[in-house]
Amino acid sequence: MSGTARRHWYRSAPAARRPSHWWYWGRAVYVSRRDYRKIFLAFLAVGVPLGAAGVLLGITVLLNAALVIAGIGLILFLYSLFGLYRMYGHPSMRYYRRLLEQGNVPDRAIVADLHIGTYRTAFALADLLPHATIHSVDCWDIEGPPAEEAVADVRDLEPAPTANPRIRPAKATKFSIPLPDATCDVVVFGFGTHEIPRGGPREKLFREAQRILKPGGTALLFEHGYDLHNYLIFGPVIDHVTRRQEWLKTMAEYFSDVAYARSSAAVDLIVGQRRA
């Protein structure tokens, strides 16, 4: 937990067992509620005047336009829910599996999962790598409230897990990872890495990833891109994410043999190797 007194109507995850895929999908919808509200109000601001004018003035084309806008809004909302389900629900295991295959990650790997307060990736890795050890490191160490309120929600709702002995939660201090040099076969950067600020914190986190990786070790990154597909799922809020080309440039600065793939769930998958 984040230590705040904030209250949520969405139930928190249990520490003693893995949250379900449905829980993670529901949380994704819940933390997106502010954006849904903004989009809904924008559609209302356009559709209601058109519909009212169509009724009061007897102009059918205006009423039809309002109905079309309402229909588009409903379709976009349903597609957003579907898109979030593919990213955070049961289908998410497909892009995790593809990312591990892309990085040729062995089953008995020692993995550092670097995140900002969610253990979803650690659970997925534990399922897909049944003999791996996963150090799940909460790297969020920014003073004051996050720029995105959704980050605070995520951190409030999921405690560090205690059920799986192969998942070992840890906390970074000023973006220093509490693991020795050259002890990990794999590091994973997931959704939320774009929330780590540039100009110091993000660069230090990537240097730390270099440090804890064994020579020839693998760095994996999966993130939301800024593209039409993600725009349909997230709406205008997706504008603040780091662009794909910047991630490719960043990965190339710290790792070699950088390769890119795209999941059909609108997730960018990037792999690199620590230089010997």
Protein backbone atom coordinates (compact mmCIF):
# COMPACT_ATOMS: atom_id res chain seq x y z
CA MET A 1 0.00 0.00 0.00
CA SER A 2 1.08 3.59 -0.56
CA GLY A 3 0.53 4.62 3.04
CA THR A 4 -2.12 7.20 2.17
CA ALA A 5 -5.57 7.43 3.72
CA ARG A 6 -7.29 7.50 0.34
CA ARG A 7 -10.39 5.35 0.09
CA HIS A 8 -11.50 3.40 -2.95
CA TRP A 9 -14.73 1.69 -3.85
CA TYR A 10 -12.74 -0.90 -5.83
CA ARG A 11 -11.55 -3.62 -3.46
CA SER A 12 -7.85 -4.01 -2.76
CA ALA A 13 -5.95 -7.11 -3.81
CA PRO A 14 -5.12 -9.72 -1.16
CA ALA A 15 -1.44 -10.08 -0.27
CA ALA A 16 -1.78 -13.78 0.50
CA ARG A 17 -2.95 -14.94 -2.93
CA ARG A 18 -2.69 -13.92 -6.57
CA PRO A 19 -5.36 -11.49 -7.78
CA SER A 20 -7.36 -12.88 -10.68
CA HIS A 21 -7.07 -11.65 -14.26
CA TRP A 22 -10.58 -10.24 -13.80
CA TRP A 23 -9.36 -8.22 -10.83
CA TYR A 24 -6.52 -6.70 -12.86
CA TRP A 25 -8.89 -5.86 -15.69
CA GLY A 26 -11.35 -4.29 -13.25
CA ARG A 27 -8.58 -2.24 -11.70
CA ALA A 28 -7.51 -0.99 -15.12
CA VAL A 29 -11.08 0.16 -15.76
CA TYR A 30 -11.32 1.68 -12.28
CA VAL A 31 -8.11 3.72 -12.52
CA SER A 32 -9.28 4.96 -15.96
CA ARG A 33 -12.55 6.30 -14.54
CA ARG A 34 -11.45 9.94 -14.62
CA ASP A 35 -10.59 9.71 -18.29
CA TYR A 36 -13.89 7.97 -19.07
CA ARG A 37 -15.67 10.79 -17.25
CA LYS A 38 -13.88 13.47 -19.28
CA ILE A 39 -14.63 11.73 -22.57
CA PHE A 40 -18.27 11.16 -21.58
CA LEU A 41 -18.69 14.85 -20.72
CA ALA A 42 -17.09 15.85 -24.02
CA PHE A 43 -19.57 13.69 -25.93
CA LEU A 44 -22.42 15.17 -23.89
CA ALA A 45 -21.22 18.71 -24.60
CA VAL A 46 -21.51 18.03 -28.31
CA GLY A 47 -24.42 15.59 -28.49
CA VAL A 48 -26.91 17.17 -26.09
CA PRO A 49 -27.04 20.60 -27.79
CA LEU A 50 -27.38 18.93 -31.19
CA GLY A 51 -30.15 16.66 -29.97
CA ALA A 52 -31.95 19.47 -28.17
CA ALA A 53 -31.76 21.70 -31.23
CA GLY A 54 -33.02 18.88 -33.42
CA VAL A 55 -36.06 18.31 -31.18
CA LEU A 56 -36.89 21.97 -30.48
CA LEU A 57 -36.35 23.19 -34.03
CA GLY A 58 -37.67 20.09 -35.71
CA ILE A 59 -34.46 19.57 -37.68
CA THR A 60 -34.10 15.84 -38.23
CA VAL A 61 -30.50 15.98 -39.41
CA LEU A 62 -29.41 17.50 -36.07
CA LEU A 63 -31.24 14.83 -34.08
CA ASN A 64 -29.74 12.11 -36.26
CA ALA A 65 -26.27 13.61 -35.77
CA ALA A 66 -26.74 13.51 -31.98
CA LEU A 67 -27.79 9.86 -32.18
CA VAL A 68 -24.76 9.03 -34.33
CA ILE A 69 -22.46 10.75 -31.82
CA ALA A 70 -24.06 8.78 -28.98
CA GLY A 71 -23.60 5.57 -30.94
CA ILE A 72 -19.96 6.32 -31.67
CA GLY A 73 -19.38 7.09 -28.00
CA LEU A 74 -20.93 3.78 -26.93
CA ILE A 75 -18.90 1.80 -29.48
CA LEU A 76 -15.66 3.48 -28.38
CA PHE A 77 -16.45 2.78 -24.72
CA LEU A 78 -17.11 -0.90 -25.40
CA TYR A 79 -13.96 -1.18 -27.51
CA SER A 80 -11.97 0.47 -24.73
CA LEU A 81 -13.24 -2.11 -22.22
CA PHE A 82 -12.34 -4.89 -24.66
CA GLY A 83 -8.90 -3.41 -25.29
CA LEU A 84 -8.17 -3.13 -21.57
CA TYR A 85 -9.26 -6.72 -21.10
CA ARG A 86 -6.77 -7.87 -23.75
CA MET A 87 -4.01 -5.86 -22.05
CA TYR A 88 -4.77 -6.69 -18.42
CA GLY A 89 -7.05 -9.74 -18.44
CA HIS A 90 -6.52 -13.36 -19.43
CA PRO A 91 -5.26 -12.58 -23.00
CA SER A 92 -2.34 -10.60 -21.55
CA MET A 93 -0.46 -13.87 -21.03
CA ARG A 94 -0.02 -14.05 -24.81
CA TYR A 95 2.18 -10.98 -25.06
CA TYR A 96 4.08 -11.97 -21.92
CA ARG A 97 4.80 -15.34 -23.52
CA ARG A 98 5.81 -13.72 -26.79
CA LEU A 99 8.14 -11.28 -24.99
CA LEU A 100 9.87 -14.14 -23.16
CA GLU A 101 10.22 -16.05 -26.41
CA GLN A 102 11.59 -12.96 -28.14
CA GLY A 103 14.22 -12.67 -25.40
CA ASN A 104 14.97 -16.42 -25.29
CA VAL A 105 14.48 -16.36 -21.53
CA PRO A 106 15.27 -19.71 -19.86
CA ASP A 107 12.90 -21.26 -17.34
CA ARG A 108 15.37 -21.10 -14.45
CA ALA A 109 16.25 -17.45 -14.96
CA ILE A 110 16.79 -14.97 -12.15
CA VAL A 111 14.54 -12.07 -13.09
CA ALA A 112 14.28 -8.49 -11.84
CA ASP A 113 10.77 -7.14 -12.45
CA LEU A 114 11.11 -3.33 -12.24
CA HIS A 115 7.74 -1.63 -11.77
CA ILE A 116 5.93 1.27 -10.10
CA GLY A 117 3.72 -0.59 -7.68
CA THR A 118 1.92 -3.47 -9.38
CA TYR A 119 2.88 -7.13 -9.14
CA ARG A 120 0.90 -8.35 -12.16
CA THR A 121 4.05 -8.98 -14.20
CA ALA A 122 5.70 -10.90 -11.36
CA PHE A 123 2.73 -13.28 -11.21
CA ALA A 124 2.72 -13.70 -14.98
CA LEU A 125 6.45 -14.46 -15.03
CA ALA A 126 6.05 -16.94 -12.18
CA ASP A 127 3.39 -18.77 -14.21
CA LEU A 128 5.34 -18.79 -17.47
CA LEU A 129 8.72 -19.57 -15.86
CA PRO A 130 7.82 -22.16 -13.20
CA HIS A 131 11.41 -22.52 -11.96
CA ALA A 132 12.47 -18.86 -12.09
CA THR A 133 13.20 -16.55 -9.17
CA ILE A 134 11.53 -13.16 -9.58
CA HIS A 135 12.75 -10.11 -7.69
CA SER A 136 9.75 -7.78 -7.98
CA VAL A 137 11.11 -4.31 -7.28
CA ASP A 138 8.86 -1.33 -6.61
CA CYS A 139 10.88 1.48 -8.18
CA TRP A 140 8.52 4.37 -7.50
CA ASP A 141 10.39 6.91 -5.37
CA ILE A 142 9.02 10.30 -6.39
CA GLU A 143 8.28 12.84 -3.67
CA GLY A 144 4.72 14.13 -3.58
CA PRO A 145 1.67 12.82 -5.47
CA PRO A 146 2.20 11.31 -8.93
CA ALA A 147 1.44 13.45 -11.96
CA GLU A 148 -1.07 10.79 -12.99
CA GLU A 149 -3.67 10.08 -10.30
CA ALA A 150 -4.04 6.58 -11.74
CA VAL A 151 -0.53 5.76 -10.47
CA ALA A 152 -1.59 6.54 -6.90
CA ASP A 153 -4.68 4.34 -7.38
CA VAL A 154 -2.57 1.44 -8.60
CA ARG A 155 -0.22 1.75 -5.65
CA ASP A 156 -3.09 1.98 -3.16
CA LEU A 157 -4.86 -1.12 -4.40
CA GLU A 158 -2.13 -3.77 -4.52
CA PRO A 159 0.13 -4.76 -1.63
CA ALA A 160 3.38 -6.67 -2.04
CA PRO A 161 2.53 -10.39 -2.43
CA THR A 162 3.41 -12.95 0.20
CA ALA A 163 2.02 -16.20 -1.25
CA ASN A 164 4.61 -17.27 -3.81
CA PRO A 165 8.10 -17.94 -2.39
CA ARG A 166 9.63 -17.46 -5.86
CA ILE A 167 8.36 -13.87 -5.97
CA ARG A 168 10.56 -11.74 -3.76
CA PRO A 169 9.25 -8.18 -3.31
CA ALA A 170 11.75 -5.37 -2.78
CA LYS A 171 11.78 -1.57 -2.77
CA ALA A 172 14.19 0.71 -4.61
CA THR A 173 15.61 3.73 -2.82
CA LYS A 174 16.13 6.78 -5.02
CA PHE A 175 15.96 4.39 -7.98
CA SER A 176 18.82 2.25 -6.68
CA ILE A 177 17.89 -1.43 -7.06
CA PRO A 178 18.66 -3.46 -3.90
CA LEU A 179 20.37 -6.30 -5.82
CA PRO A 180 24.09 -7.04 -6.25
CA ASP A 181 25.99 -6.42 -9.46
CA ALA A 182 25.63 -8.94 -12.29
CA THR A 183 23.20 -11.24 -10.49
CA CYS A 184 20.18 -11.26 -12.83
CA ASP A 185 19.66 -13.04 -16.12
CA VAL A 186 16.75 -10.79 -17.09
CA VAL A 187 15.33 -7.38 -16.21
CA VAL A 188 11.79 -6.44 -17.17
CA PHE A 189 10.39 -2.94 -17.61
CA GLY A 190 6.61 -2.96 -17.91
CA PHE A 191 3.57 -0.71 -18.15
CA GLY A 192 4.17 2.37 -16.07
CA THR A 193 7.86 2.78 -16.90
CA HIS A 194 6.86 5.88 -18.83
CA GLU A 195 5.76 7.43 -15.52
CA ILE A 196 9.37 7.47 -14.27
CA PRO A 197 10.52 11.03 -15.01
CA ARG A 198 13.20 11.72 -17.58
CA GLY A 199 16.17 13.88 -16.66
CA GLY A 200 17.63 11.73 -13.90
CA PRO A 201 15.32 9.08 -12.41
CA ARG A 202 14.65 7.16 -15.61
CA GLU A 203 18.27 7.24 -16.69
CA LYS A 204 19.40 6.01 -13.27
CA LEU A 205 16.89 3.15 -13.41
CA PHE A 206 18.27 1.99 -16.74
CA ARG A 207 21.84 2.25 -15.45
CA GLU A 208 20.80 0.14 -12.47
CA ALA A 209 19.31 -2.41 -14.85
CA GLN A 210 22.67 -2.56 -16.62
CA ARG A 211 24.44 -3.02 -13.30
CA ILE A 212 22.37 -5.92 -12.00
CA LEU A 213 22.34 -7.80 -15.31
CA LYS A 214 24.89 -10.48 -15.94
CA PRO A 215 27.07 -9.93 -19.05
CA GLY A 216 24.94 -11.04 -21.98
CA GLY A 217 21.79 -10.80 -19.86
CA THR A 218 18.48 -9.75 -21.38
CA ALA A 219 16.45 -6.58 -20.93
CA LEU A 220 12.74 -6.77 -21.79
CA LEU A 221 10.41 -3.80 -22.10
CA PHE A 222 6.68 -3.77 -22.85
CA GLU A 223 4.76 -0.52 -22.98
CA HIS A 224 1.79 1.32 -24.45
CA GLY A 225 2.58 3.13 -27.66
CA TYR A 226 1.14 6.40 -28.94
CA ASP A 227 -0.81 5.26 -31.96
CA LEU A 228 -4.37 4.92 -33.24
CA HIS A 229 -4.99 1.57 -31.58
CA ASN A 230 -3.94 2.81 -28.14
CA TYR A 231 -5.83 6.05 -28.73
CA LEU A 232 -9.04 4.07 -29.31
CA ILE A 233 -8.46 2.18 -26.05
CA PHE A 234 -7.27 4.99 -23.77
CA GLY A 235 -8.46 8.18 -25.45
CA PRO A 236 -6.51 11.46 -25.33
CA VAL A 237 -4.77 10.51 -22.05
CA ILE A 238 -2.43 8.26 -24.06
CA ASP A 239 -0.73 11.43 -25.32
CA HIS A 240 1.55 11.53 -22.24
CA VAL A 241 3.21 8.14 -22.80
CA THR A 242 6.74 7.78 -24.14
CA ARG A 243 6.78 7.24 -27.88
CA ARG A 244 8.00 3.98 -29.40
CA GLN A 245 10.99 5.58 -31.14
CA GLU A 246 12.15 7.11 -27.87
CA TRP A 247 11.97 3.70 -26.16
CA LEU A 248 13.99 2.16 -28.98
CA LYS A 249 16.56 4.94 -28.66
CA THR A 250 16.73 4.53 -24.87
CA MET A 251 17.12 0.77 -25.08
CA ALA A 252 19.86 1.17 -27.70
CA GLU A 253 21.74 3.57 -25.41
CA TYR A 254 21.95 1.02 -22.61
CA PHE A 255 21.76 -2.35 -24.37
CA SER A 256 22.83 -3.98 -27.62
CA ASP A 257 21.00 -6.06 -30.24
CA VAL A 258 17.75 -4.20 -29.64
CA ALA A 259 14.78 -5.79 -31.38
CA TYR A 260 11.16 -4.69 -31.63
CA ALA A 261 7.87 -6.53 -32.05
CA ARG A 262 4.25 -5.50 -31.79
CA SER A 263 1.51 -7.41 -30.00
CA SER A 264 -1.99 -7.44 -31.46
CA ALA A 265 -3.12 -6.17 -28.03
CA ALA A 266 -1.51 -2.78 -28.89
CA VAL A 267 1.58 -3.45 -26.77
CA ASP A 268 5.12 -2.62 -27.92
CA LEU A 269 7.64 -5.38 -27.12
CA ILE A 270 11.34 -4.45 -27.04
CA VAL A 271 14.31 -6.69 -26.23
CA GLY A 272 17.99 -5.90 -25.72
CA GLN A 273 21.15 -7.53 -24.36
CA ARG A 274 23.66 -6.29 -21.83
CA ARG A 275 26.97 -5.62 -23.53
CA ALA A 276 29.75 -7.92 -22.43
